[in-house]
Protein backbone atom coordinates (compact mmCIF):
# COMPACT_ATOMS: atom_id res chain seq x y z
CA MET A 1 0.00 0.00 0.00
CA ASN A 2 2.79 2.42 0.95
CA LYS A 3 4.72 1.52 -2.18
CA LYS A 4 1.74 2.41 -4.36
CA LEU A 5 1.22 5.63 -2.40
CA LYS A 6 4.82 6.65 -3.03
CA LYS A 7 4.48 6.11 -6.78
CA TYR A 8 1.18 7.97 -6.95
CA LEU A 9 2.69 10.87 -4.98
CA THR A 10 5.57 11.05 -7.44
CA LEU A 11 3.26 11.18 -10.44
CA ALA A 12 0.96 13.67 -8.74
CA SER A 13 3.93 15.90 -7.90
CA VAL A 14 5.10 15.99 -11.52
CA PHE A 15 1.65 16.84 -12.85
CA SER A 16 1.27 19.45 -10.09
CA LEU A 17 4.46 21.08 -11.34
CA VAL A 18 3.07 21.25 -14.88
CA PHE A 19 -0.13 22.84 -13.55
CA LEU A 20 1.71 25.36 -11.39
CA LEU A 21 4.02 26.41 -14.20
CA SER A 22 1.07 27.04 -16.45
CA ALA A 23 -0.76 29.22 -13.93
CA CYS A 24 1.85 31.27 -12.11
CA SER A 25 1.74 35.03 -11.62
CA THR A 26 3.41 37.39 -14.09
CA THR A 27 3.72 40.38 -11.75
CA PRO A 28 7.34 41.62 -11.88
CA ILE A 29 9.55 40.89 -8.87
CA THR A 30 11.28 43.97 -7.45
CA ASN A 31 13.03 45.01 -4.25
CA HIS A 32 9.62 46.19 -3.03
CA SER A 33 7.97 42.76 -3.42
CA THR A 34 6.40 41.56 -0.18
CA GLY A 35 4.99 38.37 1.25
CA ILE A 36 6.63 35.08 2.18
CA TRP A 37 6.63 33.74 -1.38
CA ASP A 38 7.33 36.84 -3.50
CA GLY A 39 9.44 38.85 -1.06
CA GLY A 40 10.99 36.02 0.92
CA ILE A 41 11.65 33.27 -1.62
CA VAL A 42 11.32 34.36 -5.26
CA LEU A 43 13.06 37.73 -4.72
CA ASN A 44 15.98 36.08 -2.92
CA PHE A 45 16.29 33.42 -5.64
CA SER A 46 16.46 36.24 -8.17
CA ARG A 47 19.07 38.11 -6.11
CA ALA A 48 21.18 34.97 -5.63
CA ILE A 49 21.25 34.18 -9.37
CA ILE A 50 22.10 37.79 -10.29
CA TRP A 51 24.87 37.90 -7.65
CA LEU A 52 26.37 34.61 -8.87
CA SER A 53 26.09 35.79 -12.47
CA LYS A 54 28.10 38.96 -11.72
CA ILE A 55 30.91 36.80 -10.29
CA PHE A 56 31.12 35.05 -13.68
CA GLY A 57 31.11 38.11 -15.91
CA SER A 58 27.37 38.79 -15.76
CA SER A 59 26.61 35.46 -17.46
CA TYR A 60 23.12 34.63 -16.21
CA GLY A 61 23.31 31.12 -17.68
CA ILE A 62 26.43 30.39 -15.62
CA GLY A 63 24.70 31.93 -12.61
CA ILE A 64 21.79 29.50 -13.00
CA ILE A 65 24.19 26.56 -13.41
CA VAL A 66 26.14 27.45 -10.27
CA PHE A 67 22.91 28.14 -8.36
CA THR A 68 21.61 24.70 -9.40
CA ILE A 69 24.77 22.96 -8.21
CA ILE A 70 24.57 24.80 -4.87
CA ILE A 71 20.94 23.69 -4.44
CA ARG A 72 21.91 20.09 -5.22
CA ILE A 73 24.73 20.21 -2.68
CA ILE A 74 22.37 21.62 -0.04
CA ILE A 75 19.86 18.79 -0.52
CA LEU A 76 22.59 16.14 -0.92
CA PRO A 77 22.16 14.80 2.66
CA LEU A 78 18.47 14.27 1.90
CA MET A 79 19.37 12.49 -1.34
CA ILE A 80 21.84 10.25 0.51
CA PHE A 81 19.10 9.39 3.02
CA GLN A 82 16.75 8.59 0.13
CA THR A 83 19.36 6.38 -1.56
CA ARG A 84 20.03 4.39 1.59
CA SER A 85 16.32 4.01 2.26
CA MET A 86 15.68 2.83 -1.30
CA LYS A 87 18.54 0.33 -1.09
CA LYS A 88 17.12 -1.12 2.13
CA THR A 89 13.66 -1.27 0.57
CA GLN A 90 15.01 -3.11 -2.47
CA GLU A 91 16.80 -5.67 -0.33
CA ILE A 92 13.64 -6.62 1.60
CA GLN A 93 11.53 -7.11 -1.54
CA PRO A 94 11.75 -10.95 -1.29
CA GLN A 95 10.39 -10.81 2.29
CA LEU A 96 7.62 -8.42 1.22
CA LYS A 97 6.61 -10.75 -1.61
CA ALA A 98 6.61 -13.70 0.80
CA LEU A 99 4.27 -11.78 3.10
CA GLN A 100 1.97 -10.87 0.21
CA LYS A 101 1.84 -14.52 -0.81
CA LYS A 102 1.19 -15.63 2.79
CA TYR A 103 -1.61 -13.09 3.28
CA SER A 104 -3.08 -13.19 -0.21
CA SER A 105 -6.74 -13.16 0.82
CA LYS A 106 -8.63 -9.92 0.26
CA ASP A 107 -10.78 -10.00 3.38
CA THR A 108 -10.39 -7.12 5.82
CA GLU A 109 -8.77 -9.15 8.60
CA THR A 110 -6.10 -10.66 6.33
CA MET A 111 -5.27 -7.31 4.70
CA GLN A 112 -4.94 -5.70 8.13
CA LYS A 113 -2.59 -8.49 9.17
CA LEU A 114 -0.54 -7.98 6.00
CA ARG A 115 -0.19 -4.25 6.73
CA GLU A 116 0.91 -4.99 10.30
CA GLU A 117 3.51 -7.51 9.16
CA GLN A 118 4.77 -5.12 6.48
CA GLN A 119 5.10 -2.30 9.01
CA LYS A 120 6.96 -4.65 11.32
CA LEU A 121 9.36 -5.62 8.52
CA TYR A 122 9.88 -1.96 7.56
CA SER A 123 10.59 -1.09 11.19
CA GLU A 124 13.09 -3.95 11.63
CA ALA A 125 14.88 -3.01 8.41
CA GLY A 126 14.87 0.71 9.25
CA VAL A 127 12.89 1.60 6.13
CA ASN A 128 10.49 4.50 5.55
CA PRO A 129 8.40 3.48 2.51
CA ILE A 130 7.63 7.05 1.41
CA ALA A 131 11.09 8.52 2.09
CA GLY A 132 11.84 8.37 -1.63
CA CYS A 133 9.28 11.12 -2.26
CA LEU A 134 10.98 13.66 0.00
CA PRO A 135 13.64 14.92 -2.47
CA LEU A 136 11.00 15.42 -5.16
CA ILE A 137 8.70 17.24 -2.74
CA VAL A 138 11.61 19.49 -1.69
CA GLN A 139 12.63 20.19 -5.30
CA LEU A 140 9.17 21.18 -6.53
CA PRO A 141 9.08 24.54 -4.66
CA VAL A 142 12.67 25.15 -5.81
CA ILE A 143 11.74 24.57 -9.46
CA TYR A 144 8.64 26.73 -9.13
CA ALA A 145 10.58 29.53 -7.40
CA LEU A 146 13.33 29.37 -10.04
CA TYR A 147 10.71 29.59 -12.79
CA GLN A 148 9.13 32.67 -11.21
CA SER A 149 12.43 34.34 -10.34
CA ILE A 150 13.38 34.24 -14.03
CA SER A 151 9.99 34.88 -15.65
CA ARG A 152 9.23 37.78 -13.26
CA THR A 153 12.69 39.42 -13.17
CA GLU A 154 13.26 41.47 -16.32
CA ILE A 155 17.07 41.31 -16.29
CA LEU A 156 17.00 37.51 -16.03
CA LYS A 157 14.14 37.06 -18.46
CA SER A 158 16.01 39.01 -21.14
CA GLY A 159 19.39 37.43 -20.33
CA GLN A 160 21.36 35.63 -23.03
CA PHE A 161 23.37 32.40 -22.70
CA LEU A 162 24.95 30.69 -25.71
CA TRP A 163 22.07 30.45 -28.26
CA LEU A 164 19.41 30.96 -25.59
CA ARG A 165 17.26 33.82 -24.42
CA LEU A 166 16.70 32.57 -20.86
CA GLY A 167 13.13 33.78 -20.55
CA ASP A 168 12.04 32.11 -23.81
CA LYS A 169 11.79 28.53 -25.00
CA ASP A 170 14.82 26.83 -26.55
CA PRO A 171 14.29 27.45 -30.30
CA TYR A 172 16.31 24.36 -31.27
CA PHE A 173 14.88 21.97 -28.62
CA ILE A 174 18.42 21.05 -27.51
CA LEU A 175 17.83 21.58 -23.78
CA PRO A 176 14.50 19.66 -23.70
CA ILE A 177 16.20 16.72 -25.43
CA LEU A 178 19.19 16.85 -23.05
CA ALA A 179 16.91 17.21 -20.01
CA ALA A 180 14.88 14.15 -21.10
CA LEU A 181 17.98 12.12 -21.95
CA LEU A 182 19.70 12.84 -18.64
CA THR A 183 16.44 12.14 -16.76
CA PHE A 184 16.37 8.73 -18.47
CA VAL A 185 20.03 8.03 -17.66
CA SER A 186 19.63 8.84 -13.96
CA SER A 187 16.37 6.82 -13.75
CA TRP A 188 17.87 3.88 -15.65
CA LEU A 189 20.92 3.76 -13.38
CA ALA A 190 18.66 3.75 -10.31
CA MET A 191 16.45 1.01 -11.82
CA LYS A 192 19.45 -1.13 -12.79
CA SER A 193 20.54 -1.36 -9.15
CA GLN A 194 17.21 -2.87 -8.10
CA PRO A 195 17.18 -6.65 -7.49
CA GLU A 196 13.77 -6.96 -9.15
CA LYS A 197 12.02 -4.90 -11.81
CA ASN A 198 8.29 -4.27 -12.06
CA SER A 199 5.97 -2.63 -14.55
CA MET A 200 5.55 0.59 -12.53
CA THR A 201 9.34 1.07 -12.28
CA THR A 202 9.67 0.56 -16.03
CA VAL A 203 6.84 3.01 -16.75
CA MET A 204 8.46 5.64 -14.51
CA THR A 205 11.90 5.09 -16.09
CA PHE A 206 10.60 5.66 -19.61
CA GLY A 207 7.63 7.90 -18.78
CA MET A 208 9.37 10.53 -16.65
CA PRO A 209 11.77 11.61 -19.44
CA LEU A 210 8.79 12.11 -21.75
CA ILE A 211 7.02 14.26 -19.14
CA ILE A 212 10.20 16.33 -18.66
CA PHE A 213 10.67 16.67 -22.44
CA PHE A 214 7.16 17.91 -23.20
CA THR A 215 7.16 20.21 -20.16
CA ALA A 216 10.56 21.65 -21.15
CA LEU A 217 9.18 22.49 -24.59
CA SER A 218 6.82 25.05 -23.07
CA VAL A 219 8.84 26.64 -20.25
CA PRO A 220 11.70 29.18 -20.29
CA SER A 221 15.02 27.73 -21.37
CA ALA A 222 16.43 28.75 -17.97
CA LEU A 223 14.26 26.09 -16.33
CA SER A 224 15.28 23.52 -18.97
CA LEU A 225 18.88 24.44 -18.15
CA TYR A 226 18.14 23.76 -14.48
CA TRP A 227 16.76 20.31 -15.39
CA VAL A 228 19.80 19.49 -17.54
CA ILE A 229 22.25 20.35 -14.76
CA THR A 230 20.25 18.76 -11.94
CA ASN A 231 19.82 15.48 -13.84
CA ALA A 232 23.49 15.41 -14.83
CA PHE A 233 24.29 15.89 -11.14
CA GLN A 234 21.77 13.15 -10.28
CA ALA A 235 23.39 10.70 -12.73
CA VAL A 236 26.85 11.28 -11.25
CA GLN A 237 25.41 11.08 -7.74
CA THR A 238 23.78 7.73 -8.55
CA LEU A 239 27.05 6.35 -9.90
CA VAL A 240 28.82 7.36 -6.69
CA LEU A 241 26.17 6.46 -4.10
CA GLN A 242 24.17 3.78 -5.88
CA ASN A 243 26.53 2.31 -8.47
CA PRO A 244 24.42 -0.51 -9.98
CA TRP A 245 27.41 -2.62 -11.03
CA LYS A 246 28.99 -2.38 -7.58
CA ILE A 247 25.66 -3.19 -5.89
CA GLN A 248 25.16 -6.21 -8.18
CA ARG A 249 28.67 -7.50 -7.36
CA GLU A 250 27.97 -7.13 -3.64
CA ARG A 251 24.61 -8.87 -4.08
CA ASP A 252 26.21 -11.75 -5.99
CA GLU A 253 28.96 -12.12 -3.37
CA LYS A 254 26.33 -12.18 -0.62
CA GLU A 255 24.36 -14.88 -2.45
CA ARG A 256 27.52 -16.96 -2.99
CA ALA A 257 28.44 -16.62 0.68
CA GLN A 258 24.92 -17.65 1.70
CA LYS A 259 24.97 -20.68 -0.60
CA GLU A 260 28.40 -21.65 0.69
CA GLN A 261 27.14 -21.39 4.26
CA GLU A 262 24.11 -23.52 3.40
CA ARG A 263 26.39 -26.08 1.73
CA LYS A 264 28.59 -26.28 4.83
CA VAL A 265 25.54 -26.69 7.09
CA ALA A 266 24.14 -29.46 4.87
CA LYS A 267 27.53 -31.19 4.83
CA ALA A 268 27.76 -30.96 8.63
CA ILE A 269 24.27 -32.47 8.98
CA ARG A 270 25.21 -35.39 6.69
CA ARG A 271 28.35 -36.05 8.75
CA ALA A 272 26.35 -35.95 11.97
CA LYS A 273 23.88 -38.48 10.59
CA LYS A 274 26.69 -40.81 9.52
CA SER A 275 28.26 -40.57 12.98
CA ARG A 276 24.97 -41.58 14.62
CA ARG A 277 24.64 -44.64 12.37
CA LYS A 278 28.05 -45.86 13.48
């Protein structure tokens, strides 16, 4: 139940982002903007990007890139927590499936017992089933604030970077394609480390890049640039923290050690039986 909730929350969050980006305010952000959102968050995002841009020769594209990397570093502890939680969740999948098979009846009492046993297993393994949603939930306000800080700050909206006008769409669709491709790479790497694949994981791996691509087609190129950098960072982060080839080697070694232990136990039992016969 919790696993399904997590996936539904992820999908709902992405579609919420699309809705928010299509309905945000266009009132310019200035030093006189007030309120928690406009004056406290969006204005300071705008100031931070402009300040970083001035350090790099007033290049607003570089300012956005550096700002993105800083944001990713700030939320890195949360991402590490998510990675560890996901790894623990993946490793207890066989036990979860065994419980689902044991309590397969759909009556209320059996389903309640299944939930209790699942919660017990999660608790023993130190797993929070919905922890994987936290980084996405944290990033959504960041993406929305970045969108507004650019679209509502004239100097950023009219800024140039390479072939881009940051407040307009990418005319050559290069950033949407890169954003989708890097989203796929980071999702594929995460999926490859899982001991078992399922249809929902596959749909998310291939579906999320499509959502990012079509969304990036209709938003300022500055936001597409944010997605490109954040997903490149995510791919590198996955290779470092959740390297699928390293995890698979460790998993194989663990299985070999377990089989070897079982072989030794079986051999010891056979010897004990022979000794009793004598």
